[in-house]
Protein backbone atom coordinates (compact mmCIF):
# COMPACT_ATOMS: atom_id res chain seq x y z
CA ALA A 1 -21.19 11.92 -6.37
CA THR A 2 -21.60 9.45 -3.56
CA GLU A 3 -24.99 10.90 -2.66
CA TYR A 4 -26.18 10.71 -6.16
CA LEU A 5 -25.05 7.08 -6.28
CA TYR A 6 -26.84 6.32 -3.06
CA GLU A 7 -30.19 8.01 -3.98
CA HIS A 8 -30.30 6.87 -7.72
CA GLY A 9 -28.40 3.68 -8.00
CA ALA A 10 -25.38 2.35 -10.15
CA SER A 11 -27.04 2.46 -13.44
CA LYS A 12 -28.04 6.13 -13.34
CA PHE A 13 -24.69 6.98 -11.83
CA PHE A 14 -22.71 5.74 -14.80
CA THR A 15 -25.00 7.62 -17.24
CA TRP A 16 -25.19 10.92 -15.06
CA PHE A 17 -24.35 13.94 -16.95
CA ASP A 18 -23.91 16.98 -14.61
CA TYR A 19 -24.71 20.21 -16.47
CA MET A 20 -23.83 22.46 -13.33
CA VAL A 21 -19.95 21.81 -13.67
CA TRP A 22 -17.60 22.84 -16.31
CA TYR A 23 -20.10 25.42 -17.65
CA PRO A 24 -21.11 25.58 -20.44
CA LEU A 25 -20.02 22.02 -21.50
CA GLY A 26 -21.11 19.92 -18.45
CA ARG A 27 -19.44 16.73 -17.50
CA PRO A 28 -20.29 12.99 -17.74
CA VAL A 29 -19.43 12.28 -14.06
CA GLY A 30 -20.24 8.58 -14.02
CA THR A 31 -17.67 7.87 -16.79
CA THR A 32 -14.88 10.32 -15.76
CA ILE A 33 -14.47 9.54 -12.12
CA TYR A 34 -12.81 6.82 -10.07
CA PRO A 35 -15.78 5.41 -8.18
CA GLY A 36 -14.12 3.16 -5.74
CA MET A 37 -14.67 5.38 -2.63
CA GLN A 38 -18.22 6.14 -3.70
CA PHE A 39 -19.24 2.47 -4.14
CA THR A 40 -17.42 1.68 -0.85
CA ALA A 41 -19.19 4.32 0.98
CA VAL A 42 -22.66 3.33 -0.26
CA TYR A 43 -21.94 -0.29 0.54
CA LEU A 44 -20.96 0.64 4.15
CA LYS A 45 -24.01 2.92 4.46
CA GLN A 46 -26.40 0.18 3.31
CA PHE A 47 -25.04 -3.00 4.96
CA VAL A 48 -22.75 -1.88 7.95
CA LEU A 49 -23.19 1.69 9.13
CA ASN A 50 -26.86 2.50 8.62
CA ASP A 51 -26.87 5.30 11.19
CA MET A 52 -23.97 7.32 9.79
CA SER A 53 -24.31 10.02 7.12
CA ILE A 54 -22.72 9.48 3.70
CA ASN A 55 -20.65 12.54 4.17
CA ASN A 56 -19.17 11.25 7.56
CA ILE A 57 -18.54 7.85 5.84
CA CYS A 58 -16.73 9.41 2.96
CA CYS A 59 -14.66 11.45 5.48
CA MET A 60 -13.71 8.52 7.57
CA ILE A 61 -12.92 6.10 4.75
CA PRO A 62 -9.24 7.53 4.26
CA ALA A 63 -8.66 7.17 7.99
CA TRP A 64 -9.99 3.70 8.12
CA PHE A 65 -8.08 2.49 5.05
CA GLY A 66 -4.87 4.16 6.26
CA SER A 67 -5.15 2.33 9.59
CA LEU A 68 -5.76 -0.93 7.80
CA ALA A 69 -2.78 -0.43 5.52
CA THR A 70 -0.59 0.47 8.51
CA PHE A 71 -1.68 -2.69 10.27
CA VAL A 72 -1.01 -4.96 7.08
CA THR A 73 2.47 -3.16 6.73
CA GLY A 74 3.28 -4.03 10.42
CA LEU A 75 2.33 -7.59 9.88
CA LEU A 76 4.49 -7.81 6.87
CA ALA A 77 7.41 -6.26 8.74
CA TYR A 78 6.76 -8.75 11.59
CA GLU A 79 6.80 -11.55 8.97
CA CYS A 80 10.08 -10.18 7.46
CA ALA A 81 11.77 -9.98 11.01
CA LEU A 82 11.26 -13.64 11.69
CA PRO A 83 14.57 -15.67 11.83
CA GLU A 84 13.25 -18.18 9.42
CA ASN A 85 12.59 -15.45 6.92
CA ALA A 86 15.90 -13.66 7.14
CA ASN A 87 17.18 -15.10 3.94
CA LEU A 88 14.15 -14.43 1.79
CA THR A 89 13.56 -11.51 -0.39
CA PRO A 90 10.40 -9.33 -0.03
CA PHE A 91 9.05 -10.87 -3.22
CA ASP A 92 9.41 -14.33 -1.83
CA ILE A 93 7.56 -13.45 1.38
CA ILE A 94 4.59 -11.82 -0.53
CA VAL A 95 4.38 -14.95 -2.77
CA ASP A 96 4.38 -17.16 0.38
CA LEU A 97 1.67 -15.06 2.00
CA VAL A 98 -0.50 -14.99 -1.12
CA GLN A 99 -0.20 -18.79 -1.52
CA HIS A 100 -0.64 -19.59 2.08
CA ARG A 101 2.42 -21.89 2.39
CA LYS A 102 5.22 -21.99 4.86
CA PRO A 103 8.37 -19.94 3.94
CA SER A 104 10.87 -21.90 1.99
CA THR A 105 14.15 -22.88 3.65
CA PRO A 106 17.46 -23.27 1.95
CA PRO A 107 18.37 -26.82 0.94
CA ALA A 108 20.85 -28.84 3.17
CA SER A 109 24.40 -28.67 2.16
CA SER A 110 24.61 -32.52 1.48
CA SER A 111 25.51 -33.60 -1.93
CA SER A 112 22.66 -34.94 -4.30
CA PRO A 113 22.42 -38.48 -5.38
CA LYS A 114 23.37 -37.60 -8.94
CA GLU A 115 26.53 -36.05 -7.67
CA ALA A 116 27.29 -39.08 -5.39
CA SER A 117 26.87 -41.57 -8.26
CA SER A 118 29.02 -39.55 -10.70
CA SER A 119 31.85 -39.16 -8.14
CA SER A 120 31.76 -42.89 -7.30
CA SER A 121 31.97 -43.87 -11.02
CA SER A 122 34.77 -41.61 -11.64
CA SER A 123 36.68 -42.83 -8.63
CA SER A 124 36.26 -46.55 -9.69
CA SER A 125 37.87 -45.90 -13.15
């Protein structure tokens, strides 16, 4: 499927009907496939790795993406292990990372101005 996409382009790929599979019915490959790896491989072949074959790129993509996922998981684990993030839930850490902000810290234990004014008014009466 990746070789067909590389040779014929995306428009023909999505209308491709392969008569050689699922005999005698055939199969509309372009509409019954998850084309993420195919498009990634073609992109890498055209713009990054011109000297590698499509087959080798398709074989290496799982290893590359697995390494990238492992690295990102390690960074997330490092972020969770920092002392200032010890009181945060994993959801809070992901939100902080996505929004590019510093991790939130718990509020100080001092009383708020509203509590101070209500306690002073109750003590004066």
